[in-house]
Protein backbone atom coordinates (compact mmCIF):
# COMPACT_ATOMS: atom_id res chain seq x y z
CA UNK A 1 0.13 0.27 -0.60
CA UNK A 2 1.30 3.47 -1.04
CA UNK A 3 0.76 6.15 1.78
CA UNK A 4 0.37 9.61 1.59
CA UNK A 5 1.11 11.89 4.92
CA UNK A 6 0.29 15.37 5.96
CA UNK A 7 4.18 16.79 5.51
CA UNK A 8 2.91 20.40 4.16
CA UNK A 9 4.07 22.15 7.47
CA UNK A 10 6.19 25.36 7.56
CA UNK A 11 5.30 26.58 10.81
CA UNK A 12 5.68 24.84 14.69
CA UNK A 13 5.52 25.03 17.91
CA UNK A 14 1.75 24.86 19.87
CA UNK A 15 -1.42 25.56 18.45
CA UNK A 16 -5.07 24.31 19.22
CA UNK A 17 -3.95 20.16 18.59
CA UNK A 18 -0.43 20.39 18.51
CA UNK A 19 2.25 20.86 21.21
CA UNK A 20 5.65 20.86 19.63
CA UNK A 21 7.76 23.49 21.80
CA UNK A 22 10.02 21.51 22.75
CA UNK A 23 11.29 20.57 19.00
CA UNK A 24 10.85 25.34 18.49
CA UNK A 25 12.88 26.11 20.74
CA UNK A 26 15.87 23.13 19.72
CA UNK A 27 15.53 24.18 15.31
CA UNK A 28 15.45 28.13 17.30
CA UNK A 29 19.06 26.89 18.93
CA UNK A 30 20.17 25.25 15.42
CA UNK A 31 19.21 28.64 13.55
CA UNK A 32 16.60 26.58 11.53
CA UNK A 33 13.47 29.32 11.85
CA UNK A 34 12.81 32.80 11.18
CA UNK A 35 14.65 35.40 12.99
CA UNK A 36 13.70 39.34 13.46
CA UNK A 37 16.41 41.97 12.78
CA UNK A 38 18.68 40.88 16.13
CA UNK A 39 18.89 37.57 15.28
CA UNK A 40 16.18 35.83 17.49
CA UNK A 41 13.78 33.98 16.71
CA UNK A 42 10.49 35.06 15.47
CA UNK A 43 8.31 32.96 17.19
CA UNK A 44 4.26 34.37 16.85
CA UNK A 45 0.69 33.71 17.34
CA UNK A 46 -0.40 32.73 13.28
CA UNK A 47 -3.43 32.89 11.99
CA UNK A 48 -3.33 29.86 9.63
CA UNK A 49 -3.50 27.61 12.60
CA UNK A 50 -5.19 29.59 14.71
CA UNK A 51 -7.44 32.34 14.15
CA UNK A 52 -8.01 33.86 17.21
CA UNK A 53 -3.64 34.44 17.26
CA UNK A 54 -4.65 33.60 21.05
CA UNK A 55 -3.71 30.42 21.02
CA UNK A 56 -0.30 29.63 19.53
CA UNK A 57 3.16 30.69 18.80
CA UNK A 58 5.29 29.65 16.13
CA UNK A 59 7.88 30.15 14.42
CA UNK A 60 8.69 29.42 10.36
CA UNK A 61 11.40 26.61 9.71
CA UNK A 62 13.79 28.18 6.87
CA UNK A 63 13.77 25.76 4.41
CA UNK A 64 16.65 27.79 2.39
CA UNK A 65 18.40 25.20 4.41
CA UNK A 66 19.18 21.73 4.14
CA UNK A 67 20.58 21.21 7.65
CA UNK A 68 17.31 23.00 8.82
CA UNK A 69 15.27 20.67 6.04
CA UNK A 70 17.25 17.20 7.54
CA UNK A 71 17.29 18.36 10.96
CA UNK A 72 13.09 18.23 11.02
CA UNK A 73 12.41 14.98 8.65
CA UNK A 74 14.55 13.27 11.08
CA UNK A 75 12.28 14.47 14.11
CA UNK A 76 9.31 14.34 12.34
CA UNK A 77 8.93 12.18 9.24
CA UNK A 78 11.41 10.18 8.92
CA UNK A 79 9.43 7.40 11.18
CA UNK A 80 6.70 7.83 8.45
CA UNK A 81 8.65 7.65 5.06
CA UNK A 82 10.10 3.93 6.29
CA UNK A 83 6.66 2.71 6.95
CA UNK A 84 5.89 3.65 3.50
CA UNK A 85 4.40 7.17 3.10
CA UNK A 86 5.07 9.20 -0.29
CA UNK A 87 4.16 12.97 -0.68
CA UNK A 88 0.98 13.85 0.26
CA UNK A 89 -0.42 17.83 0.82
CA UNK A 90 2.42 20.52 0.74
CA UNK A 91 -0.02 23.35 2.98
CA UNK A 92 0.00 26.90 3.53
CA UNK A 93 3.70 28.35 3.15
CA UNK A 94 2.13 31.65 1.53
CA UNK A 95 4.17 34.53 3.78
CA UNK A 96 2.08 37.25 2.56
CA UNK A 97 0.58 37.66 5.76
CA UNK A 98 3.73 37.44 7.97
CA UNK A 99 3.39 40.85 9.85
CA UNK A 100 6.67 43.90 9.05
CA UNK A 101 8.66 40.85 6.48
CA UNK A 102 11.36 43.70 5.49
CA UNK A 103 12.74 42.86 9.46
CA UNK A 104 12.29 39.17 9.47
CA UNK A 105 14.92 36.93 8.08
CA UNK A 106 16.47 33.63 6.79
CA UNK A 107 19.61 32.74 8.31
CA UNK A 108 21.34 30.93 5.81
CA UNK A 109 20.67 33.63 3.08
CA UNK A 110 20.66 37.20 5.59
CA UNK A 111 17.93 37.93 2.97
CA UNK A 112 14.76 39.42 4.48
CA UNK A 113 11.27 37.83 4.38
CA UNK A 114 10.35 40.18 2.03
CA UNK A 115 13.19 39.82 -0.43
CA UNK A 116 11.66 36.11 -0.26
CA UNK A 117 8.15 36.04 -0.72
CA UNK A 118 7.24 34.98 -3.38
CA UNK A 119 10.53 32.21 -3.83
CA UNK A 120 9.84 30.79 -0.18
CA UNK A 121 6.42 29.62 -2.10
CA UNK A 122 8.93 27.26 -4.67
CA UNK A 123 11.97 26.06 -1.85
CA UNK A 124 9.65 24.80 0.23
CA UNK A 125 7.66 22.16 -1.54
CA UNK A 126 10.88 21.81 -3.89
CA UNK A 127 12.50 20.72 -0.04
CA UNK A 128 9.98 18.73 1.01
CA UNK A 129 10.38 16.89 -2.32
CA UNK A 130 13.53 16.29 -2.33
CA UNK A 131 14.19 15.35 1.10
CA UNK A 132 11.40 12.60 0.11
CA UNK A 133 13.07 11.04 -3.07
CA UNK A 134 16.20 11.08 -0.86
CA UNK A 135 14.74 9.15 1.72
CA UNK A 136 13.62 6.56 -0.75
CA UNK A 137 16.42 5.73 -2.58
CA UNK A 138 16.13 8.90 -5.40
CA UNK A 139 13.96 6.41 -7.70
CA UNK A 140 10.99 6.66 -6.19
CA UNK A 141 7.99 8.92 -8.24
CA UNK A 142 6.06 10.69 -5.63
CA UNK A 143 2.93 13.27 -5.87
CA UNK A 144 1.40 15.45 -3.89
CA UNK A 145 -0.39 18.48 -3.47
CA UNK A 146 1.54 22.02 -3.99
CA UNK A 147 -0.18 24.73 -2.04
CA UNK A 148 2.42 27.15 -2.36
CA UNK A 149 3.47 28.19 -5.83
CA UNK A 150 5.78 30.35 -7.58
CA UNK A 151 6.97 30.21 -10.91
CA UNK A 152 7.90 26.39 -11.34
CA UNK A 153 6.60 24.79 -8.63
CA UNK A 154 3.87 23.54 -11.68
CA UNK A 155 6.25 20.24 -11.73
CA UNK A 156 6.32 19.85 -8.36
CA UNK A 157 2.61 18.44 -8.21
CA UNK A 158 -0.64 18.83 -8.57
CA UNK A 159 -2.14 22.02 -6.97
CA UNK A 160 -5.94 23.25 -5.85
CA UNK A 161 -7.78 26.16 -6.51
CA UNK A 162 -8.68 26.91 -3.42
CA UNK A 163 -10.53 26.57 -0.55
CA UNK A 164 -14.14 26.42 -1.72
CA UNK A 165 -17.61 27.30 -0.49
CA UNK A 166 -20.63 25.28 -1.39
CA UNK A 167 -22.66 28.23 -3.46
CA UNK A 168 -23.27 27.61 -7.41
CA UNK A 169 -21.59 30.90 -7.60
CA UNK A 170 -18.37 29.71 -5.71
CA UNK A 171 -18.47 26.34 -7.93
CA UNK A 172 -18.33 28.70 -10.66
CA UNK A 173 -15.68 30.66 -9.27
CA UNK A 174 -13.86 27.70 -9.02
CA UNK A 175 -14.33 26.85 -12.92
CA UNK A 176 -13.04 29.60 -13.51
CA UNK A 177 -9.61 30.07 -12.03
CA UNK A 178 -8.31 25.78 -12.80
CA UNK A 179 -9.11 26.96 -16.44
CA UNK A 180 -7.29 30.32 -15.46
CA UNK A 181 -4.14 28.27 -13.51
CA UNK A 182 -3.92 25.90 -17.03
CA UNK A 183 -2.68 29.26 -19.18
CA UNK A 184 -0.35 29.76 -15.77
CA UNK A 185 1.50 26.22 -16.77
CA UNK A 186 -0.08 24.42 -14.09
CA UNK A 187 -1.88 21.34 -15.62
CA UNK A 188 -2.37 18.78 -12.33
CA UNK A 189 -4.98 20.98 -11.03
CA UNK A 190 -8.41 20.51 -9.34
CA UNK A 191 -10.74 21.66 -7.03
CA UNK A 192 -12.03 21.17 -3.15
CA UNK A 193 -15.16 19.35 -4.18
CA UNK A 194 -18.60 20.46 -2.69
CA UNK A 195 -17.16 22.77 -0.22
CA UNK A 196 -14.03 23.19 1.97
CA UNK A 197 -15.40 24.44 4.98
CA UNK A 198 -18.53 22.14 5.66
CA UNK A 199 -19.81 19.75 2.23
CA UNK A 200 -23.00 21.73 0.63
CA UNK A 201 -26.89 20.08 -0.34
CA UNK A 202 -26.29 17.59 -1.87
CA UNK A 203 -27.61 18.20 -5.11
CA UNK A 204 -24.63 21.33 -5.35
CA UNK A 205 -22.46 18.01 -3.85
CA UNK A 206 -23.35 15.71 -6.95
CA UNK A 207 -23.11 18.93 -10.06
CA UNK A 208 -19.84 19.55 -8.62
CA UNK A 209 -18.61 15.60 -8.09
CA UNK A 210 -19.54 15.45 -11.34
CA UNK A 211 -17.64 17.62 -13.19
CA UNK A 212 -14.79 16.50 -10.81
CA UNK A 213 -14.78 13.04 -12.72
CA UNK A 214 -12.56 15.26 -15.66
CA UNK A 215 -10.29 17.49 -13.76
CA UNK A 216 -6.97 16.64 -13.85
CA UNK A 217 -6.91 15.18 -10.03
CA UNK A 218 -9.90 14.55 -8.30
CA UNK A 219 -10.31 14.48 -4.87
CA UNK A 220 -13.63 15.54 -1.73
CA UNK A 221 -11.94 17.12 0.23
CA UNK A 222 -12.00 20.09 3.38
CA UNK A 223 -13.94 19.93 6.75
CA UNK A 224 -16.62 17.59 7.70
CA UNK A 225 -18.34 14.72 5.57
CA UNK A 226 -16.43 14.82 2.26
CA UNK A 227 -15.66 11.63 -0.11
CA UNK A 228 -4.38 25.45 -21.20
CA UNK A 229 -3.21 26.95 -23.74
CA UNK A 230 -6.93 28.23 -25.32
CA UNK A 231 -8.68 26.45 -26.99
CA UNK A 232 -10.64 27.06 -30.10
CA UNK A 233 -8.70 30.64 -30.70
CA UNK A 234 -9.47 31.41 -33.65
CA UNK A 235 -13.39 30.95 -32.71
CA UNK A 236 -13.95 34.40 -31.49
CA UNK A 237 -17.37 33.15 -28.90
CA UNK A 238 -15.49 30.76 -27.85
CA UNK A 239 -13.50 33.17 -25.68
CA UNK A 240 -16.04 34.78 -23.63
CA UNK A 241 -17.06 31.38 -22.65
CA UNK A 242 -15.25 30.69 -19.23
CA UNK A 243 -17.16 28.10 -17.58
CA UNK A 244 -16.38 25.02 -19.97
CA UNK A 245 -13.22 23.11 -20.15
CA UNK A 246 -11.53 21.02 -21.95
CA UNK A 247 -9.63 17.58 -21.43
CA UNK A 248 -6.76 17.48 -24.22
CA UNK A 249 -7.92 19.05 -27.70
CA UNK A 250 -11.72 16.98 -27.99
CA UNK A 251 -13.35 16.84 -24.79
CA UNK A 252 -15.75 19.62 -23.57
CA UNK A 253 -17.08 19.27 -20.06
CA UNK A 254 -19.98 21.84 -19.58
CA UNK A 255 -20.60 21.44 -15.32
CA UNK A 256 -24.07 22.04 -14.22
CA UNK A 257 -25.08 24.96 -11.65
CA UNK A 258 -27.47 24.38 -10.49
CA UNK A 259 -29.83 21.73 -8.59
CA UNK A 260 -32.04 22.14 -12.16
CA UNK A 261 -29.86 20.30 -14.41
CA UNK A 262 -30.33 23.40 -16.55
CA UNK A 263 -28.11 24.93 -19.02
CA UNK A 264 -26.82 26.61 -22.19
CA UNK A 265 -23.29 24.52 -24.02
CA UNK A 266 -21.19 26.04 -26.19
CA UNK A 267 -20.88 23.97 -29.04
CA UNK A 268 -17.53 25.18 -31.43
CA UNK A 269 -17.37 24.54 -34.86
CA UNK A 270 -17.77 20.83 -36.28
CA UNK A 271 -19.97 17.78 -35.02
CA UNK A 272 -20.24 17.59 -31.62
CA UNK A 273 -21.18 13.52 -30.13
CA UNK A 274 -22.65 13.26 -27.11
CA UNK A 275 -19.89 11.23 -25.00
CA UNK A 276 -22.48 8.86 -23.54
CA UNK A 277 -24.18 8.31 -26.16
CA UNK A 278 -27.44 9.58 -24.73
CA UNK A 279 -28.41 12.93 -27.27
CA UNK A 280 -28.05 12.75 -31.37
CA UNK A 281 -24.54 14.89 -32.42
CA UNK A 282 -24.99 18.30 -32.49
CA UNK A 283 -23.64 21.04 -35.04
CA UNK A 284 -21.45 23.16 -33.34
CA UNK A 285 -20.74 26.84 -33.88
CA UNK A 286 -23.95 28.03 -31.93
CA UNK A 287 -25.15 27.89 -28.18
CA UNK A 288 -27.21 24.38 -27.23
CA UNK A 289 -29.97 23.65 -23.94
CA UNK A 290 -29.64 21.54 -22.13
CA UNK A 291 -32.24 20.69 -19.66
CA UNK A 292 -33.49 18.41 -16.95
CA UNK A 293 -29.81 16.75 -16.73
CA UNK A 294 -29.74 12.97 -14.29
CA UNK A 295 -27.27 13.43 -11.47
CA UNK A 296 -24.85 10.79 -12.72
CA UNK A 297 -24.68 12.61 -16.02
CA UNK A 298 -23.22 16.19 -17.16
CA UNK A 299 -22.78 17.82 -20.84
CA UNK A 300 -19.66 16.31 -22.11
CA UNK A 301 -19.05 16.23 -25.97
CA UNK A 302 -17.04 14.91 -28.32
CA UNK A 303 -15.43 16.49 -31.09
CA UNK A 304 -15.75 14.58 -34.48
CA UNK A 305 -12.85 12.56 -35.27
CA UNK A 306 -11.77 12.21 -32.14
CA UNK A 307 -9.88 8.62 -30.75
CA UNK A 308 -10.62 8.77 -26.95
CA UNK A 309 -8.81 5.29 -25.20
CA UNK A 310 -10.76 3.87 -21.91
CA UNK A 311 -9.20 1.65 -20.08
CA UNK A 312 -10.95 -0.99 -17.20
CA UNK A 313 -12.28 0.53 -13.46
CA UNK A 314 -9.60 0.94 -11.58
CA UNK A 315 -9.35 1.64 -7.81
CA UNK A 316 -5.43 3.23 -8.65
CA UNK A 317 -3.58 3.62 -11.87
CA UNK A 318 -1.81 0.99 -10.74
CA UNK A 319 -4.63 -1.64 -9.77
CA UNK A 320 -3.46 -3.93 -12.55
CA UNK A 321 -2.13 -3.53 -16.06
CA UNK A 322 -4.54 -1.27 -19.37
CA UNK A 323 -6.24 -4.11 -20.62
CA UNK A 324 -8.90 -4.63 -22.38
CA UNK A 325 -8.37 -1.05 -23.87
CA UNK A 326 -11.65 0.42 -25.52
CA UNK A 327 -11.47 2.89 -27.92
CA UNK A 328 -13.79 4.93 -29.55
CA UNK A 329 -12.97 6.35 -32.65
CA UNK A 330 -15.20 9.42 -33.73
CA UNK A 331 -16.36 9.57 -37.30
CA UNK A 332 -15.85 12.78 -39.13
CA UNK A 333 -18.77 14.38 -40.73
CA UNK A 334 -20.17 14.24 -44.26
CA UNK A 335 -18.65 18.17 -45.23
CA UNK A 336 -15.44 17.66 -43.31
CA UNK A 337 -14.60 14.29 -45.64
CA UNK A 338 -15.72 14.97 -49.24
CA UNK A 339 -13.63 16.85 -50.47
CA UNK A 340 -10.31 15.43 -49.13
CA UNK A 341 -9.30 12.11 -46.79
CA UNK A 342 -8.73 13.51 -42.99
CA UNK A 343 -6.91 11.92 -39.83
CA UNK A 344 -6.46 11.97 -36.69
CA UNK A 345 -4.49 10.73 -34.06
CA UNK A 346 -4.11 10.04 -30.35
CA UNK A 347 -0.82 8.66 -28.63
CA UNK A 348 -1.26 6.77 -25.27
CA UNK A 349 2.07 7.05 -23.21
CA UNK A 350 2.51 4.47 -20.19
CA UNK A 351 5.01 3.26 -17.79
CA UNK A 352 5.56 1.56 -14.07
CA UNK A 353 3.61 4.66 -12.53
CA UNK A 354 5.60 4.37 -9.50
CA UNK A 355 9.97 5.09 -10.42
CA UNK A 356 11.24 7.33 -11.95
CA UNK A 357 12.60 4.57 -15.07
CA UNK A 358 10.88 6.28 -17.77
CA UNK A 359 13.52 9.30 -18.20
CA UNK A 360 15.91 6.37 -19.35
CA UNK A 361 12.91 4.97 -21.55
CA UNK A 362 11.28 2.28 -19.74
CA UNK A 363 7.67 3.41 -20.84
CA UNK A 364 5.34 2.91 -24.02
CA UNK A 365 3.53 3.99 -26.09
CA UNK A 366 0.92 3.34 -28.53
CA UNK A 367 0.21 5.11 -31.91
CA UNK A 368 -4.29 5.15 -32.98
CA UNK A 369 -4.04 6.73 -35.95
CA UNK A 370 -7.59 7.43 -37.84
CA UNK A 371 -8.12 8.18 -41.80
CA UNK A 372 -11.30 8.31 -43.32
CA UNK A 373 -12.17 8.97 -46.39
CA UNK A 374 -16.51 9.62 -48.51
CA UNK A 375 -16.51 5.54 -48.38
CA UNK A 376 -13.81 3.84 -46.00
CA UNK A 377 -12.44 3.68 -42.61
CA UNK A 378 -8.87 2.65 -41.21
CA UNK A 379 -7.57 2.01 -38.18
CA UNK A 380 -4.12 1.89 -37.22
CA UNK A 381 -2.56 0.29 -34.01
CA UNK A 382 1.06 0.63 -33.71
CA UNK A 383 2.60 0.34 -29.49
CA UNK A 384 5.82 1.01 -29.64
CA UNK A 385 8.82 0.86 -26.52
CA UNK A 386 11.09 3.74 -25.37
CA UNK A 387 13.85 1.56 -25.41
CA UNK A 388 12.77 -1.42 -27.11
CA UNK A 389 12.49 -3.17 -24.27
CA UNK A 390 10.62 -2.83 -21.84
CA UNK A 391 6.40 -2.44 -22.45
CA UNK A 392 3.90 -1.86 -19.06
CA UNK A 393 1.56 -4.09 -21.15
CA UNK A 394 3.29 -7.31 -23.01
CA UNK A 395 0.15 -8.43 -24.14
CA UNK A 396 -2.86 -6.48 -24.28
CA UNK A 397 -6.58 -7.23 -25.84
CA UNK A 398 -8.65 -4.09 -27.04
CA UNK A 399 -12.22 -3.45 -28.10
CA UNK A 400 -12.56 -0.16 -31.11
CA UNK A 401 -16.04 1.42 -30.83
CA UNK A 402 -16.53 3.18 -34.01
CA UNK A 403 -19.32 5.82 -33.41
CA UNK A 404 -21.80 7.71 -36.30
CA UNK A 405 -21.03 5.63 -39.22
CA UNK A 406 -23.68 4.53 -41.72
CA UNK A 407 -24.50 1.19 -41.49
CA UNK A 408 -25.00 -1.36 -42.77
CA UNK A 409 -21.77 -1.97 -42.34
CA UNK A 410 -21.09 -5.63 -44.68
CA UNK A 411 -17.00 -6.35 -43.35
CA UNK A 412 -14.47 -5.44 -41.62
CA UNK A 413 -10.53 -5.98 -42.21
CA UNK A 414 -8.08 -7.49 -39.92
CA UNK A 415 -4.40 -6.73 -41.62
CA UNK A 416 -6.46 -6.66 -45.09
CA UNK A 417 -7.77 -10.70 -44.24
CA UNK A 418 -12.21 -10.57 -43.40
CA UNK A 419 -12.29 -11.59 -40.09
CA UNK A 420 -15.84 -13.38 -38.96
CA UNK A 421 -19.33 -11.32 -37.42
CA UNK A 422 -20.14 -12.06 -34.29
CA UNK A 423 -24.77 -10.63 -33.94
CA UNK A 424 -26.56 -12.71 -33.33
CA UNK A 425 -26.80 -16.89 -33.04
CA UNK A 426 -22.88 -16.19 -33.40
CA UNK A 427 -22.15 -14.08 -31.37
CA UNK A 428 -19.52 -16.65 -29.22
CA UNK A 429 -15.89 -16.21 -31.19
CA UNK A 430 -12.43 -16.60 -29.80
CA UNK A 431 -10.80 -14.21 -32.04
CA UNK A 432 -10.79 -10.77 -34.13
CA UNK A 433 -14.83 -10.21 -34.83
CA UNK A 434 -16.82 -7.55 -35.04
CA UNK A 435 -20.53 -6.66 -34.75
CA UNK A 436 -23.08 -3.74 -34.73
CA UNK A 437 -24.26 -2.20 -31.74
CA UNK A 438 -28.51 -2.47 -32.70
CA UNK A 439 -29.36 0.55 -30.65
CA UNK A 440 -26.55 2.92 -31.70
CA UNK A 441 -25.69 1.15 -34.61
CA UNK A 442 -21.98 1.28 -33.67
CA UNK A 443 -18.88 -0.55 -35.39
CA UNK A 444 -17.90 -3.02 -32.49
CA UNK A 445 -14.55 -4.41 -33.67
CA UNK A 446 -13.31 -7.38 -30.82
CA UNK A 447 -9.53 -8.47 -30.80
CA UNK A 448 -8.37 -11.42 -28.29
CA UNK A 449 -5.30 -10.86 -26.12
CA UNK A 450 -1.84 -11.27 -27.89
CA UNK A 451 1.36 -9.59 -28.05
CA UNK A 452 1.39 -8.90 -30.83
CA UNK A 453 2.89 -4.55 -31.68
CA UNK A 454 0.99 -3.37 -34.70
CA UNK A 455 -2.63 -3.79 -36.49
CA UNK A 456 -4.62 -2.10 -38.63
CA UNK A 457 -8.64 -2.38 -39.56
CA UNK A 458 -10.41 -1.03 -42.52
CA UNK A 459 -13.87 -1.43 -43.59
CA UNK A 460 -15.81 0.42 -46.19
CA UNK A 461 -18.62 2.74 -45.11
CA UNK A 462 -19.64 6.63 -44.20
CA UNK A 463 -20.29 9.20 -42.40
CA UNK A 464 -24.14 9.49 -40.64
CA UNK A 465 -24.35 12.77 -40.06
CA UNK A 466 -23.57 16.41 -41.64
CA UNK A 467 -22.30 19.66 -39.19
CA UNK A 468 -25.41 21.36 -41.28
CA UNK A 469 -22.85 23.98 -42.74
CA UNK A 470 -21.30 24.93 -39.34
CA UNK A 471 -18.04 22.55 -39.44
């Protein structure tokens, strides 16, 4: 079991629920704490751990000092690491609330807190990450929530938009803040789902939780019972949208900010498919209305031509191999393919998810390439090893689902060979087979588990949907 641990406290001392007075005294005697202009440890109340500022006396560790970091790990955190903990939550660390910051100093630098206020937000989490890696043998991959930040923090872990309150207005505000964070280079971002200071009403919590499923990281965090570059830069109407977001280039999420499940959704130009396959495809370049969306759904749309791989349900990413791999292929519109064939590609990256061996080539890339013309589809799968030897998933089965195509399809080939149809009485097949979903019309191709690294699926068909001149 991999455990997380609350490593994130830049301050030590006495406050409600904690008394590290002896540790504070020891750290101060070694000049490991923030000091005043006379060189004495700066011990004071702190609003982060005591809102009244009447029951606390804390000092801030000099994280610019490697010796100070080693000392606090030895005193507080080494045992947790030996028991299997990895980085958890690097909390607090903002220096803007320190009073008289120009008269407080870091002993190891001789510089004031005022001058290093932003830099501390980077050095504090970085020093903890490096110390954890050192104690785990230097090759373990770690992750955790990093609250303080400065330029460079985006590479250290994942970040949140901060403490939230359980209202739809605040849910929308945090969605906008998360999108803005991605414009600053933060890719692993998320929100305190449902409200931090308390859990909100059940309907709000369910709406927020549904949207959180599509955040780069998802957590329901708070008190009480809780469990990128601009998209569509050429679309002037898209610039005003600040409460929808993309996961990658082709998956667009529109959270619901009310109990009723109603909202307007802006679809950029082109053809868009309902991710859940329950609504008909929609032409973009306009707003559409979604009404009474149930709690187990939210508006999520997939761009025509997209290739979306999905793995099996897992409790954590290293629970089991991503096998079988389900690949959803969304047909281009009829207008897209009218004059020239269209192509799209998705590259699936995999490694062991734990070590840093990927830096020496121990990773696997699987290219998923679609080519579609007016009368045919060709889909190629090709897996490659980073070092020519490592395979994250040595053998794998595939389930391909092609959406938005004209039926009936008369035959499917794999590497130029016809494969049998497996509808109805012919459903039980040991080898590769194909069938048509009677309800949706999707073409489903099943490839059994094998060590084969590449193959091509091809069949004659045509796009079933148009985008009404809005491509």
